[in-house]
Amino acid sequence: MGKNWQWSYQQGRIKRLKAEVEAAKSGNVLNAHVVPLHSHCGTMQSHFAKGWHSVTQSEIYSKLHGHSSLDAVKKRLAQRLGVKYG
């Protein structure tokens, strides 16, 4: 994969997370099936779309709440076990 392809893939991830945050702040739900236009080059747009669709719900949750969902699970587990976390 070329550097421009990797850049398009990363831009897809960045733009998806940004769109999810903006939608949540405005009280809307993002239709993630609709990928915005990134490039008129089919290859670049394809890599952007792959990046867009690669974002997981866990990553969206982390971005919205400012922490890793895994960290939240670890903190709850530590509280239940009575040990200090972090």
N, C-alpha and C. Protein backbone atom coordinates (compact mmCIF):
# COMPACT_ATOMS: atom_id res chain seq x y z
N MET A 1 0.84 -1.17 0.00
CA MET A 1 0.00 0.00 0.00
C MET A 1 0.89 1.24 0.00
N GLY A 2 0.60 2.17 -0.88
CA GLY A 2 1.38 3.40 -0.96
C GLY A 2 1.09 4.35 0.19
N LYS A 3 1.97 5.32 0.37
CA LYS A 3 1.81 6.28 1.46
C LYS A 3 0.52 7.09 1.30
N ASN A 4 0.17 7.46 0.08
CA ASN A 4 -1.07 8.20 -0.13
C ASN A 4 -2.29 7.35 0.20
N TRP A 5 -2.20 6.06 -0.06
CA TRP A 5 -3.30 5.17 0.28
C TRP A 5 -3.45 5.08 1.78
N GLN A 6 -2.34 4.97 2.48
CA GLN A 6 -2.37 4.92 3.95
C GLN A 6 -2.94 6.22 4.50
N TRP A 7 -2.55 7.34 3.90
CA TRP A 7 -3.06 8.63 4.34
C TRP A 7 -4.57 8.71 4.15
N SER A 8 -5.06 8.24 3.02
CA SER A 8 -6.51 8.25 2.77
C SER A 8 -7.23 7.36 3.77
N TYR A 9 -6.66 6.21 4.07
CA TYR A 9 -7.24 5.29 5.05
C TYR A 9 -7.33 5.98 6.42
N GLN A 10 -6.24 6.62 6.85
CA GLN A 10 -6.22 7.32 8.14
C GLN A 10 -7.19 8.49 8.14
N GLN A 11 -7.29 9.20 7.02
CA GLN A 11 -8.25 10.31 6.94
C GLN A 11 -9.68 9.80 7.08
N GLY A 12 -9.95 8.61 6.55
CA GLY A 12 -11.28 8.01 6.71
C GLY A 12 -11.60 7.76 8.17
N ARG A 13 -10.63 7.26 8.91
CA ARG A 13 -10.82 7.00 10.35
C ARG A 13 -11.01 8.31 11.11
N ILE A 14 -10.16 9.28 10.81
CA ILE A 14 -10.23 10.58 11.50
C ILE A 14 -11.57 11.26 11.23
N LYS A 15 -11.99 11.29 9.97
CA LYS A 15 -13.24 11.97 9.60
C LYS A 15 -14.45 11.26 10.20
N ARG A 16 -14.40 9.92 10.28
CA ARG A 16 -15.52 9.17 10.88
C ARG A 16 -15.65 9.49 12.36
N LEU A 17 -14.53 9.48 13.08
CA LEU A 17 -14.58 9.79 14.51
C LEU A 17 -15.06 11.22 14.73
N LYS A 18 -14.60 12.14 13.93
CA LYS A 18 -15.03 13.53 14.04
C LYS A 18 -16.53 13.64 13.76
N ALA A 19 -17.01 12.97 12.75
CA ALA A 19 -18.43 13.00 12.40
C ALA A 19 -19.28 12.39 13.51
N GLU A 20 -18.80 11.31 14.13
CA GLU A 20 -19.53 10.67 15.23
C GLU A 20 -19.64 11.62 16.42
N VAL A 21 -18.55 12.31 16.75
CA VAL A 21 -18.56 13.25 17.87
C VAL A 21 -19.52 14.41 17.58
N GLU A 22 -19.46 14.97 16.38
CA GLU A 22 -20.34 16.07 16.02
C GLU A 22 -21.80 15.65 16.05
N ALA A 23 -22.09 14.45 15.57
CA ALA A 23 -23.46 13.95 15.58
C ALA A 23 -23.96 13.76 17.02
N ALA A 24 -23.11 13.22 17.87
CA ALA A 24 -23.50 13.00 19.27
C ALA A 24 -23.75 14.33 19.98
N LYS A 25 -22.91 15.32 19.73
CA LYS A 25 -23.07 16.63 20.36
C LYS A 25 -24.37 17.32 19.93
N SER A 26 -24.77 17.10 18.69
CA SER A 26 -25.99 17.73 18.18
C SER A 26 -27.23 16.88 18.44
N GLY A 27 -27.04 15.69 19.02
CA GLY A 27 -28.17 14.82 19.33
C GLY A 27 -28.66 14.01 18.16
N ASN A 28 -27.88 13.94 17.12
CA ASN A 28 -28.25 13.17 15.92
C ASN A 28 -27.54 11.83 15.91
N VAL A 29 -27.99 10.98 15.00
CA VAL A 29 -27.33 9.69 14.78
C VAL A 29 -26.69 9.74 13.39
N LEU A 30 -25.43 9.39 13.32
CA LEU A 30 -24.72 9.40 12.05
C LEU A 30 -25.07 8.17 11.23
N ASN A 31 -25.41 8.36 9.97
CA ASN A 31 -25.61 7.24 9.07
C ASN A 31 -24.24 6.86 8.52
N ALA A 32 -23.60 5.91 9.17
CA ALA A 32 -22.23 5.54 8.84
C ALA A 32 -22.11 4.82 7.50
N HIS A 33 -23.24 4.43 6.92
CA HIS A 33 -23.19 3.76 5.61
C HIS A 33 -22.91 4.74 4.49
N VAL A 34 -23.16 6.03 4.75
CA VAL A 34 -22.92 7.06 3.74
C VAL A 34 -21.52 7.63 3.96
N VAL A 35 -20.62 7.27 3.08
CA VAL A 35 -19.23 7.71 3.18
C VAL A 35 -19.08 9.01 2.40
N PRO A 36 -18.55 10.07 3.04
CA PRO A 36 -18.38 11.33 2.32
C PRO A 36 -17.32 11.24 1.23
N LEU A 37 -17.43 12.12 0.25
CA LEU A 37 -16.45 12.16 -0.83
C LEU A 37 -15.12 12.67 -0.31
N HIS A 38 -14.09 11.92 -0.55
CA HIS A 38 -12.74 12.29 -0.14
C HIS A 38 -11.89 12.62 -1.36
N SER A 39 -12.09 11.86 -2.43
CA SER A 39 -11.28 12.02 -3.62
C SER A 39 -12.05 11.53 -4.85
N HIS A 40 -11.77 12.16 -5.98
CA HIS A 40 -12.36 11.69 -7.23
C HIS A 40 -11.58 10.49 -7.79
N CYS A 41 -10.44 10.21 -7.19
CA CYS A 41 -9.67 9.01 -7.56
C CYS A 41 -10.32 7.81 -6.86
N GLY A 42 -10.74 6.85 -7.65
CA GLY A 42 -11.42 5.69 -7.09
C GLY A 42 -10.61 4.93 -6.06
N THR A 43 -9.31 4.80 -6.30
CA THR A 43 -8.46 4.07 -5.36
C THR A 43 -8.37 4.80 -4.03
N MET A 44 -8.16 6.12 -4.09
CA MET A 44 -8.06 6.91 -2.86
C MET A 44 -9.38 6.89 -2.10
N GLN A 45 -10.49 7.00 -2.82
CA GLN A 45 -11.81 6.97 -2.18
C GLN A 45 -12.07 5.61 -1.56
N SER A 46 -11.62 4.57 -2.22
CA SER A 46 -11.80 3.22 -1.67
C SER A 46 -11.05 3.05 -0.35
N HIS A 47 -9.84 3.53 -0.30
CA HIS A 47 -9.06 3.43 0.95
C HIS A 47 -9.65 4.31 2.05
N PHE A 48 -10.16 5.47 1.67
CA PHE A 48 -10.85 6.33 2.63
C PHE A 48 -12.07 5.59 3.21
N ALA A 49 -12.85 4.96 2.33
CA ALA A 49 -14.03 4.22 2.77
C ALA A 49 -13.66 3.06 3.69
N LYS A 50 -12.57 2.38 3.38
CA LYS A 50 -12.12 1.28 4.25
C LYS A 50 -11.76 1.82 5.63
N GLY A 51 -11.09 2.96 5.67
CA GLY A 51 -10.78 3.58 6.96
C GLY A 51 -12.04 4.01 7.69
N TRP A 52 -12.98 4.60 6.96
CA TRP A 52 -14.25 5.06 7.53
C TRP A 52 -14.98 3.89 8.20
N HIS A 53 -15.03 2.76 7.50
CA HIS A 53 -15.76 1.60 8.02
C HIS A 53 -14.96 0.79 9.05
N SER A 54 -13.68 1.09 9.21
CA SER A 54 -12.87 0.33 10.16
C SER A 54 -13.01 0.82 11.60
N VAL A 55 -13.66 1.95 11.80
CA VAL A 55 -13.83 2.51 13.15
C VAL A 55 -14.83 1.65 13.92
N THR A 56 -14.43 1.23 15.12
CA THR A 56 -15.28 0.37 15.94
C THR A 56 -16.12 1.19 16.92
N GLN A 57 -17.16 0.57 17.45
CA GLN A 57 -17.99 1.23 18.46
C GLN A 57 -17.18 1.56 19.70
N SER A 58 -16.24 0.72 20.02
CA SER A 58 -15.36 0.96 21.17
C SER A 58 -14.54 2.24 20.97
N GLU A 59 -14.04 2.43 19.78
CA GLU A 59 -13.27 3.64 19.48
C GLU A 59 -14.14 4.89 19.54
N ILE A 60 -15.38 4.76 19.07
CA ILE A 60 -16.31 5.89 19.12
C ILE A 60 -16.62 6.22 20.58
N TYR A 61 -16.88 5.21 21.38
CA TYR A 61 -17.14 5.41 22.80
C TYR A 61 -15.96 6.11 23.48
N SER A 62 -14.78 5.65 23.18
CA SER A 62 -13.58 6.25 23.77
C SER A 62 -13.45 7.71 23.39
N LYS A 63 -13.71 8.01 22.14
CA LYS A 63 -13.61 9.40 21.67
C LYS A 63 -14.67 10.28 22.32
N LEU A 64 -15.87 9.75 22.48
CA LEU A 64 -16.95 10.52 23.08
C LEU A 64 -16.75 10.77 24.56
N HIS A 65 -16.16 9.80 25.25
CA HIS A 65 -16.04 9.89 26.71
C HIS A 65 -14.64 10.23 27.19
N GLY A 66 -13.73 10.40 26.26
CA GLY A 66 -12.39 10.84 26.62
C GLY A 66 -11.54 9.82 27.33
N HIS A 67 -11.88 8.57 27.23
CA HIS A 67 -11.06 7.52 27.81
C HIS A 67 -11.30 6.22 27.06
N SER A 68 -10.44 5.30 27.30
CA SER A 68 -10.57 4.00 26.67
C SER A 68 -11.64 3.20 27.38
N SER A 69 -12.51 2.55 26.61
CA SER A 69 -13.53 1.71 27.23
C SER A 69 -12.87 0.57 28.00
N LEU A 70 -11.70 0.14 27.54
CA LEU A 70 -10.96 -0.89 28.26
C LEU A 70 -10.51 -0.37 29.62
N ASP A 71 -10.09 0.90 29.66
CA ASP A 71 -9.71 1.50 30.94
C ASP A 71 -10.90 1.53 31.90
N ALA A 72 -12.07 1.84 31.38
CA ALA A 72 -13.27 1.88 32.22
C ALA A 72 -13.55 0.51 32.82
N VAL A 73 -13.39 -0.53 32.02
CA VAL A 73 -13.61 -1.89 32.51
C VAL A 73 -12.58 -2.24 33.57
N LYS A 74 -11.33 -1.87 33.33
CA LYS A 74 -10.27 -2.14 34.30
C LYS A 74 -10.53 -1.41 35.62
N LYS A 75 -11.00 -0.17 35.54
CA LYS A 75 -11.29 0.59 36.76
C LYS A 75 -12.42 -0.05 37.55
N ARG A 76 -13.48 -0.46 36.86
CA ARG A 76 -14.59 -1.11 37.57
C ARG A 76 -14.14 -2.41 38.21
N LEU A 77 -13.33 -3.17 37.50
CA LEU A 77 -12.83 -4.43 38.04
C LEU A 77 -11.96 -4.17 39.26
N ALA A 78 -11.10 -3.16 39.18
CA ALA A 78 -10.24 -2.83 40.31
C ALA A 78 -11.07 -2.40 41.52
N GLN A 79 -12.14 -1.65 41.28
CA GLN A 79 -13.01 -1.23 42.38
C GLN A 79 -13.66 -2.44 43.04
N ARG A 80 -14.12 -3.38 42.24
CA ARG A 80 -14.76 -4.58 42.78
C ARG A 80 -13.76 -5.44 43.56
N LEU A 81 -12.53 -5.45 43.09
CA LEU A 81 -11.51 -6.23 43.79
C LEU A 81 -10.90 -5.48 44.96
N GLY A 82 -11.21 -4.20 45.06
CA GLY A 82 -10.69 -3.40 46.17
C GLY A 82 -9.23 -3.02 46.02
N VAL A 83 -8.77 -2.90 44.77
CA VAL A 83 -7.38 -2.49 44.54
C VAL A 83 -7.37 -1.17 43.79
N LYS A 84 -6.25 -0.47 43.88
CA LYS A 84 -6.13 0.82 43.21
C LYS A 84 -5.72 0.60 41.76
N TYR A 85 -6.37 1.35 40.87
CA TYR A 85 -6.04 1.27 39.45
C TYR A 85 -5.54 2.63 38.98
N GLY A 86 -4.45 2.60 38.24
CA GLY A 86 -3.92 3.84 37.63
C GLY A 86 -3.24 4.65 38.58
